[in-house]
PDB file of all heavy atoms in Angstrom:
ATOM      1  N   LYS A   1       0.876  -1.178  -0.008  1.00  0.00           N
ATOM      2  CA  LYS A   1      -0.004   0.007  -0.007  1.00  0.00           C
ATOM      3  C   LYS A   1       0.874   1.275  -0.004  1.00  0.00           C
ATOM      4  O   LYS A   1       0.362   2.451  -0.275  1.00  0.00           O
ATOM      5  CB  LYS A   1      -0.893   0.047   1.220  1.00  0.00           C
ATOM      6  CG  LYS A   1      -1.984   0.992   1.206  1.00  0.00           C
ATOM      7  CD  LYS A   1      -3.114   0.718   0.289  1.00  0.00           C
ATOM      8  CE  LYS A   1      -4.269   1.678   0.477  1.00  0.00           C
ATOM      9  NZ  LYS A   1      -5.324   1.555  -0.578  1.00  0.00           N
ATOM     10  N   SER A   2       2.170   1.148   0.206  1.00  0.00           N
ATOM     11  CA  SER A   2       3.042   2.300   0.349  1.00  0.00           C
ATOM     12  C   SER A   2       3.567   2.757  -0.991  1.00  0.00           C
ATOM     13  O   SER A   2       4.096   3.919  -1.042  1.00  0.00           O
ATOM     14  CB  SER A   2       4.248   1.970   1.207  1.00  0.00           C
ATOM     15  OG  SER A   2       5.138   0.981   0.534  1.00  0.00           O
ATOM     16  N   LYS A   3       3.341   2.058  -2.058  1.00  0.00           N
ATOM     17  CA  LYS A   3       3.780   2.569  -3.375  1.00  0.00           C
ATOM     18  C   LYS A   3       2.756   2.314  -4.418  1.00  0.00           C
ATOM     19  O   LYS A   3       1.826   1.510  -4.275  1.00  0.00           O
ATOM     20  CB  LYS A   3       5.066   1.836  -3.857  1.00  0.00           C
ATOM     21  CG  LYS A   3       6.302   1.895  -2.963  1.00  0.00           C
ATOM     22  CD  LYS A   3       7.409   1.046  -3.479  1.00  0.00           C
ATOM     23  CE  LYS A   3       8.684   1.079  -2.575  1.00  0.00           C
ATOM     24  NZ  LYS A   3       9.256   2.401  -2.400  1.00  0.00           N
ATOM     25  N   THR A   4       2.845   3.056  -5.568  1.00  0.00           N
ATOM     26  CA  THR A   4       1.913   2.835  -6.686  1.00  0.00           C
ATOM     27  C   THR A   4       2.256   1.565  -7.444  1.00  0.00           C
ATOM     28  O   THR A   4       3.367   0.978  -7.231  1.00  0.00           O
ATOM     29  CB  THR A   4       1.988   3.978  -7.642  1.00  0.00           C
ATOM     30  OG1 THR A   4       3.307   4.019  -8.248  1.00  0.00           O
ATOM     31  CG2 THR A   4       1.731   5.283  -6.953  1.00  0.00           C
ATOM     32  N   GLN A   5       1.355   1.104  -8.218  1.00  0.00           N
ATOM     33  CA  GLN A   5       1.659  -0.119  -9.055  1.00  0.00           C
ATOM     34  C   GLN A   5       2.819   0.054  -9.951  1.00  0.00           C
ATOM     35  O   GLN A   5       3.678  -0.865 -10.040  1.00  0.00           O
ATOM     36  CB  GLN A   5       0.385  -0.461  -9.874  1.00  0.00           C
ATOM     37  CG  GLN A   5       0.425  -1.807 -10.637  1.00  0.00           C
ATOM     38  CD  GLN A   5      -0.653  -1.899 -11.702  1.00  0.00           C
ATOM     39  OE1 GLN A   5      -0.658  -1.246 -12.650  1.00  0.00           O
ATOM     40  NE2 GLN A   5      -1.626  -2.788 -11.347  1.00  0.00           N
ATOM     41  N   ALA A   6       2.891   1.251 -10.549  1.00  0.00           N
ATOM     42  CA  ALA A   6       4.082   1.477 -11.451  1.00  0.00           C
ATOM     43  C   ALA A   6       5.325   1.511 -10.640  1.00  0.00           C
ATOM     44  O   ALA A   6       6.448   0.957 -11.202  1.00  0.00           O
ATOM     45  CB  ALA A   6       3.938   2.795 -12.172  1.00  0.00           C
ATOM     46  N   ALA A   7       5.408   1.961  -9.425  1.00  0.00           N
ATOM     47  CA  ALA A   7       6.513   1.984  -8.623  1.00  0.00           C
ATOM     48  C   ALA A   7       6.965   0.452  -8.244  1.00  0.00           C
ATOM     49  O   ALA A   7       8.187   0.211  -8.304  1.00  0.00           O
ATOM     50  CB  ALA A   7       6.321   2.749  -7.451  1.00  0.00           C
ATOM     51  N   TRP A   8       5.977  -0.272  -7.997  1.00  0.00           N
ATOM     52  CA  TRP A   8       6.263  -1.726  -7.676  1.00  0.00           C
ATOM     53  C   TRP A   8       6.776  -2.478  -8.962  1.00  0.00           C
ATOM     54  O   TRP A   8       7.570  -3.367  -8.893  1.00  0.00           O
ATOM     55  CB  TRP A   8       5.054  -2.442  -7.170  1.00  0.00           C
ATOM     56  CG  TRP A   8       4.820  -2.007  -5.704  1.00  0.00           C
ATOM     57  CD1 TRP A   8       3.692  -1.500  -5.200  1.00  0.00           C
ATOM     58  CD2 TRP A   8       5.698  -2.294  -4.583  1.00  0.00           C
ATOM     59  NE1 TRP A   8       3.866  -1.260  -3.821  1.00  0.00           N
ATOM     60  CE2 TRP A   8       5.018  -1.775  -3.397  1.00  0.00           C
ATOM     61  CE3 TRP A   8       6.911  -2.847  -4.449  1.00  0.00           C
ATOM     62  CZ2 TRP A   8       5.632  -1.815  -2.175  1.00  0.00           C
ATOM     63  CZ3 TRP A   8       7.538  -2.872  -3.215  1.00  0.00           C
ATOM     64  CH2 TRP A   8       6.909  -2.387  -2.083  1.00  0.00           C
ATOM     65  N   ASP A   9       6.299  -2.012 -10.078  1.00  0.00           N
ATOM     66  CA  ASP A   9       6.853  -2.611 -11.452  1.00  0.00           C
ATOM     67  C   ASP A   9       8.373  -2.392 -11.424  1.00  0.00           C
ATOM     68  O   ASP A   9       9.093  -3.299 -11.846  1.00  0.00           O
ATOM     69  CB  ASP A   9       6.221  -1.995 -12.555  1.00  0.00           C
ATOM     70  CG  ASP A   9       4.721  -2.473 -12.818  1.00  0.00           C
ATOM     71  OD1 ASP A   9       4.300  -3.306 -12.133  1.00  0.00           O
ATOM     72  OD2 ASP A   9       4.068  -1.781 -13.648  1.00  0.00           O
ATOM     73  N   ASP A  10       8.768  -1.189 -11.124  1.00  0.00           N
ATOM     74  CA  ASP A  10      10.197  -0.899 -11.073  1.00  0.00           C
ATOM     75  C   ASP A  10      10.924  -1.664 -10.073  1.00  0.00           C
ATOM     76  O   ASP A  10      12.018  -2.197 -10.275  1.00  0.00           O
ATOM     77  CB  ASP A  10      10.412   0.639 -10.846  1.00  0.00           C
ATOM     78  CG  ASP A  10       9.866   1.455 -12.002  1.00  0.00           C
ATOM     79  OD1 ASP A  10       9.791   1.004 -13.086  1.00  0.00           O
ATOM     80  OD2 ASP A  10       9.585   2.663 -11.815  1.00  0.00           O
ATOM     81  N   VAL A  11      10.372  -1.790  -8.856  1.00  0.00           N
ATOM     82  CA  VAL A  11      11.000  -2.547  -7.792  1.00  0.00           C
ATOM     83  C   VAL A  11      11.305  -3.981  -8.153  1.00  0.00           C
ATOM     84  O   VAL A  11      12.353  -4.565  -7.883  1.00  0.00           O
ATOM     85  CB  VAL A  11      10.203  -2.410  -6.413  1.00  0.00           C
ATOM     86  CG1 VAL A  11      10.793  -3.421  -5.368  1.00  0.00           C
ATOM     87  CG2 VAL A  11      10.271  -0.992  -5.890  1.00  0.00           C
ATOM     88  N   PHE A  12      10.287  -4.628  -8.735  1.00  0.00           N
ATOM     89  CA  PHE A  12      10.344  -6.042  -9.016  1.00  0.00           C
ATOM     90  C   PHE A  12      10.938  -6.308 -10.462  1.00  0.00           C
ATOM     91  O   PHE A  12      11.125  -7.567 -10.821  1.00  0.00           O
ATOM     92  CB  PHE A  12       9.034  -6.712  -8.930  1.00  0.00           C
ATOM     93  CG  PHE A  12       8.618  -6.909  -7.560  1.00  0.00           C
ATOM     94  CD1 PHE A  12       7.802  -6.011  -6.872  1.00  0.00           C
ATOM     95  CD2 PHE A  12       8.974  -8.092  -6.801  1.00  0.00           C
ATOM     96  CE1 PHE A  12       7.391  -6.237  -5.541  1.00  0.00           C
ATOM     97  CE2 PHE A  12       8.555  -8.291  -5.506  1.00  0.00           C
ATOM     98  CZ  PHE A  12       7.783  -7.287  -4.864  1.00  0.00           C
ATOM     99  N   ALA A  13      11.303  -5.331 -11.257  1.00  0.00           N
ATOM    100  CA  ALA A  13      11.854  -5.577 -12.572  1.00  0.00           C
ATOM    101  C   ALA A  13      13.090  -6.392 -12.532  1.00  0.00           C
ATOM    102  O   ALA A  13      13.989  -6.194 -11.684  1.00  0.00           O
ATOM    103  CB  ALA A  13      12.241  -4.219 -13.196  1.00  0.00           C
ATOM    104  N   GLY A  14      13.104  -7.420 -13.343  1.00  0.00           N
ATOM    105  CA  GLY A  14      14.293  -8.408 -13.349  1.00  0.00           C
ATOM    106  C   GLY A  14      14.311  -9.329 -12.212  1.00  0.00           C
ATOM    107  O   GLY A  14      15.373 -10.118 -12.181  1.00  0.00           O
ATOM    108  N   SER A  15      13.329  -9.436 -11.343  1.00  0.00           N
ATOM    109  CA  SER A  15      13.420 -10.371 -10.122  1.00  0.00           C
ATOM    110  C   SER A  15      12.734 -11.652 -10.529  1.00  0.00           C
ATOM    111  O   SER A  15      11.895 -11.777 -11.502  1.00  0.00           O
ATOM    112  CB  SER A  15      12.750  -9.713  -8.985  1.00  0.00           C
ATOM    113  OG  SER A  15      11.332  -9.876  -9.020  1.00  0.00           O
ATOM    114  N   ASP A  16      12.969 -12.689  -9.697  1.00  0.00           N
ATOM    115  CA  ASP A  16      12.324 -13.923  -9.753  1.00  0.00           C
ATOM    116  C   ASP A  16      11.217 -14.108  -8.570  1.00  0.00           C
ATOM    117  O   ASP A  16      11.061 -15.168  -8.081  1.00  0.00           O
ATOM    118  CB  ASP A  16      13.240 -15.096  -9.763  1.00  0.00           C
ATOM    119  CG  ASP A  16      13.803 -15.491 -11.083  1.00  0.00           C
ATOM    120  OD1 ASP A  16      13.167 -15.101 -12.094  1.00  0.00           O
ATOM    121  OD2 ASP A  16      14.822 -16.212 -11.111  1.00  0.00           O
ATOM    122  N   ALA A  17      10.682 -12.980  -8.217  1.00  0.00           N
ATOM    123  CA  ALA A  17       9.723 -12.973  -7.168  1.00  0.00           C
ATOM    124  C   ALA A  17       8.358 -13.323  -7.520  1.00  0.00           C
ATOM    125  O   ALA A  17       7.397 -13.372  -6.705  1.00  0.00           O
ATOM    126  CB  ALA A  17       9.723 -11.595  -6.428  1.00  0.00           C
ATOM    127  N   CYS A  18       8.125 -13.745  -8.783  1.00  0.00           N
ATOM    128  CA  CYS A  18       6.739 -14.089  -9.264  1.00  0.00           C
ATOM    129  C   CYS A  18       5.798 -12.980  -9.078  1.00  0.00           C
ATOM    130  O   CYS A  18       4.737 -13.129  -8.356  1.00  0.00           O
ATOM    131  CB  CYS A  18       6.345 -15.357  -8.646  1.00  0.00           C
ATOM    132  SG  CYS A  18       7.481 -16.810  -8.927  1.00  0.00           S
ATOM    133  N   TYR A  19       6.084 -11.818  -9.550  1.00  0.00           N
ATOM    134  CA  TYR A  19       5.308 -10.663  -9.405  1.00  0.00           C
ATOM    135  C   TYR A  19       4.736 -10.226 -10.772  1.00  0.00           C
ATOM    136  O   TYR A  19       5.361 -10.501 -11.836  1.00  0.00           O
ATOM    137  CB  TYR A  19       6.204  -9.550  -8.908  1.00  0.00           C
ATOM    138  CG  TYR A  19       5.616  -8.107  -9.190  1.00  0.00           C
ATOM    139  CD1 TYR A  19       4.888  -7.464  -8.238  1.00  0.00           C
ATOM    140  CD2 TYR A  19       5.848  -7.440 -10.314  1.00  0.00           C
ATOM    141  CE1 TYR A  19       4.250  -6.207  -8.496  1.00  0.00           C
ATOM    142  CE2 TYR A  19       5.284  -6.204 -10.626  1.00  0.00           C
ATOM    143  CZ  TYR A  19       4.559  -5.579  -9.626  1.00  0.00           C
ATOM    144  OH  TYR A  19       3.980  -4.301  -9.835  1.00  0.00           O
ATOM    145  N   ALA A  20       3.486  -9.680 -10.793  1.00  0.00           N
ATOM    146  CA  ALA A  20       2.868  -9.138 -12.026  1.00  0.00           C
ATOM    147  C   ALA A  20       1.897  -8.015 -11.566  1.00  0.00           C
ATOM    148  O   ALA A  20       1.211  -8.196 -10.564  1.00  0.00           O
ATOM    149  CB  ALA A  20       2.261 -10.138 -12.830  1.00  0.00           C
ATOM    150  N   PRO A  21       1.855  -7.019 -12.314  1.00  0.00           N
ATOM    151  CA  PRO A  21       0.700  -6.059 -12.123  1.00  0.00           C
ATOM    152  C   PRO A  21      -0.633  -6.590 -12.477  1.00  0.00           C
ATOM    153  O   PRO A  21      -0.674  -7.366 -13.549  1.00  0.00           O
ATOM    154  CB  PRO A  21       1.125  -4.821 -12.918  1.00  0.00           C
ATOM    155  CG  PRO A  21       1.856  -5.425 -14.085  1.00  0.00           C
ATOM    156  CD  PRO A  21       2.652  -6.564 -13.434  1.00  0.00           C
ATOM    157  N   VAL A  22      -1.704  -6.355 -11.791  1.00  0.00           N
ATOM    158  CA  VAL A  22      -2.999  -6.738 -12.211  1.00  0.00           C
ATOM    159  C   VAL A  22      -3.498  -5.685 -13.218  1.00  0.00           C
ATOM    160  O   VAL A  22      -3.837  -4.649 -12.815  1.00  0.00           O
ATOM    161  CB  VAL A  22      -3.925  -6.869 -11.033  1.00  0.00           C
ATOM    162  CG1 VAL A  22      -5.314  -7.290 -11.568  1.00  0.00           C
ATOM    163  CG2 VAL A  22      -3.427  -7.922 -10.058  1.00  0.00           C
ATOM    164  N   LEU A  23      -3.610  -6.151 -14.490  1.00  0.00           N
ATOM    165  CA  LEU A  23      -3.933  -5.178 -15.579  1.00  0.00           C
ATOM    166  C   LEU A  23      -5.373  -5.341 -16.048  1.00  0.00           C
ATOM    167  O   LEU A  23      -5.943  -6.381 -16.035  1.00  0.00           O
ATOM    168  CB  LEU A  23      -2.948  -5.438 -16.791  1.00  0.00           C
ATOM    169  CG  LEU A  23      -1.493  -5.305 -16.452  1.00  0.00           C
ATOM    170  CD1 LEU A  23      -0.685  -5.723 -17.847  1.00  0.00           C
ATOM    171  CD2 LEU A  23      -1.047  -3.950 -15.993  1.00  0.00           C
ATOM    172  N   SER A  24      -5.945  -4.194 -16.438  1.00  0.00           N
ATOM    173  CA  SER A  24      -7.215  -4.214 -17.094  1.00  0.00           C
ATOM    174  C   SER A  24      -7.037  -4.799 -18.531  1.00  0.00           C
ATOM    175  O   SER A  24      -5.938  -5.012 -19.053  1.00  0.00           O
ATOM    176  CB  SER A  24      -7.835  -2.835 -17.208  1.00  0.00           C
ATOM    177  OG  SER A  24      -7.054  -2.082 -18.105  1.00  0.00           O
ATOM    178  N   MET A  25      -8.145  -5.104 -19.202  1.00  0.00           N
ATOM    179  CA  MET A  25      -8.049  -5.642 -20.633  1.00  0.00           C
ATOM    180  C   MET A  25      -7.370  -4.592 -21.525  1.00  0.00           C
ATOM    181  O   MET A  25      -6.567  -4.981 -22.297  1.00  0.00           O
ATOM    182  CB  MET A  25      -9.412  -5.868 -21.115  1.00  0.00           C
ATOM    183  CG  MET A  25     -10.128  -7.204 -20.498  1.00  0.00           C
ATOM    184  SD  MET A  25     -11.596  -7.706 -21.283  1.00  0.00           S
ATOM    185  CE  MET A  25     -12.719  -6.508 -20.496  1.00  0.00           C
ATOM    186  N   ASP A  26      -7.634  -3.358 -21.325  1.00  0.00           N
ATOM    187  CA  ASP A  26      -6.950  -2.315 -22.168  1.00  0.00           C
ATOM    188  C   ASP A  26      -5.476  -2.168 -21.870  1.00  0.00           C
ATOM    189  O   ASP A  26      -4.657  -2.146 -22.700  1.00  0.00           O
ATOM    190  CB  ASP A  26      -7.618  -0.951 -21.946  1.00  0.00           C
ATOM    191  CG  ASP A  26      -8.927  -0.933 -22.645  1.00  0.00           C
ATOM    192  OD1 ASP A  26      -9.249  -1.656 -23.495  1.00  0.00           O
ATOM    193  OD2 ASP A  26      -9.746   0.064 -22.229  1.00  0.00           O
ATOM    194  N   GLU A  27      -5.149  -2.236 -20.497  1.00  0.00           N
ATOM    195  CA  GLU A  27      -3.741  -2.228 -20.089  1.00  0.00           C
ATOM    196  C   GLU A  27      -2.960  -3.424 -20.596  1.00  0.00           C
ATOM    197  O   GLU A  27      -1.794  -3.294 -20.885  1.00  0.00           O
ATOM    198  CB  GLU A  27      -3.684  -2.057 -18.604  1.00  0.00           C
ATOM    199  CG  GLU A  27      -4.170  -0.797 -18.034  1.00  0.00           C
ATOM    200  CD  GLU A  27      -4.304  -0.801 -16.540  1.00  0.00           C
ATOM    201  OE1 GLU A  27      -4.440  -1.880 -15.864  1.00  0.00           O
ATOM    202  OE2 GLU A  27      -4.246   0.341 -15.924  1.00  0.00           O
ATOM    203  N   ALA A  28      -3.618  -4.583 -20.508  1.00  0.00           N
ATOM    204  CA  ALA A  28      -2.905  -5.839 -21.017  1.00  0.00           C
ATOM    205  C   ALA A  28      -2.418  -5.648 -22.467  1.00  0.00           C
ATOM    206  O   ALA A  28      -1.290  -6.095 -22.865  1.00  0.00           O
ATOM    207  CB  ALA A  28      -3.824  -6.991 -20.858  1.00  0.00           C
ATOM    208  N   ALA A  29      -3.286  -5.086 -23.324  1.00  0.00           N
ATOM    209  CA  ALA A  29      -2.917  -4.886 -24.710  1.00  0.00           C
ATOM    210  C   ALA A  29      -1.748  -3.989 -24.958  1.00  0.00           C
ATOM    211  O   ALA A  29      -1.057  -4.068 -25.975  1.00  0.00           O
ATOM    212  CB  ALA A  29      -4.075  -4.377 -25.490  1.00  0.00           C
ATOM    213  N   ARG A  30      -1.431  -3.155 -23.964  1.00  0.00           N
ATOM    214  CA  ARG A  30      -0.337  -2.213 -24.040  1.00  0.00           C
ATOM    215  C   ARG A  30       0.923  -2.569 -23.326  1.00  0.00           C
ATOM    216  O   ARG A  30       1.951  -1.866 -23.389  1.00  0.00           O
ATOM    217  CB  ARG A  30      -0.770  -0.822 -23.522  1.00  0.00           C
ATOM    218  CG  ARG A  30      -1.917  -0.207 -24.258  1.00  0.00           C
ATOM    219  CD  ARG A  30      -2.135   1.256 -23.937  1.00  0.00           C
ATOM    220  NE  ARG A  30      -2.428   1.454 -22.507  1.00  0.00           N
ATOM    221  CZ  ARG A  30      -3.635   1.486 -22.051  1.00  0.00           C
ATOM    222  NH1 ARG A  30      -4.671   1.391 -22.831  1.00  0.00           N
ATOM    223  NH2 ARG A  30      -3.808   1.728 -20.680  1.00  0.00           N
ATOM    224  N   HIS A  31       0.873  -3.645 -22.674  1.00  0.00           N
ATOM    225  CA  HIS A  31       2.061  -4.061 -21.767  1.00  0.00           C
ATOM    226  C   HIS A  31       3.212  -4.455 -22.690  1.00  0.00           C
ATOM    227  O   HIS A  31       3.029  -5.172 -23.692  1.00  0.00           O
ATOM    228  CB  HIS A  31       1.771  -5.290 -20.825  1.00  0.00           C
ATOM    229  CG  HIS A  31       2.788  -5.567 -19.878  1.00  0.00           C
ATOM    230  ND1 HIS A  31       3.911  -6.308 -20.125  1.00  0.00           N
ATOM    231  CD2 HIS A  31       2.987  -5.114 -18.556  1.00  0.00           C
ATOM    232  CE1 HIS A  31       4.699  -6.391 -19.139  1.00  0.00           C
ATOM    233  NE2 HIS A  31       4.144  -5.663 -18.197  1.00  0.00           N
TER     234      HIS A  31
END
């Protein structure tokens, strides 16, 4: 709850922590 979803994307980038943002249908098409 302390960071935005985009910030967590940066934190977990390149990790093996089995992380993913929960995307809407429109967001999924742009990932």
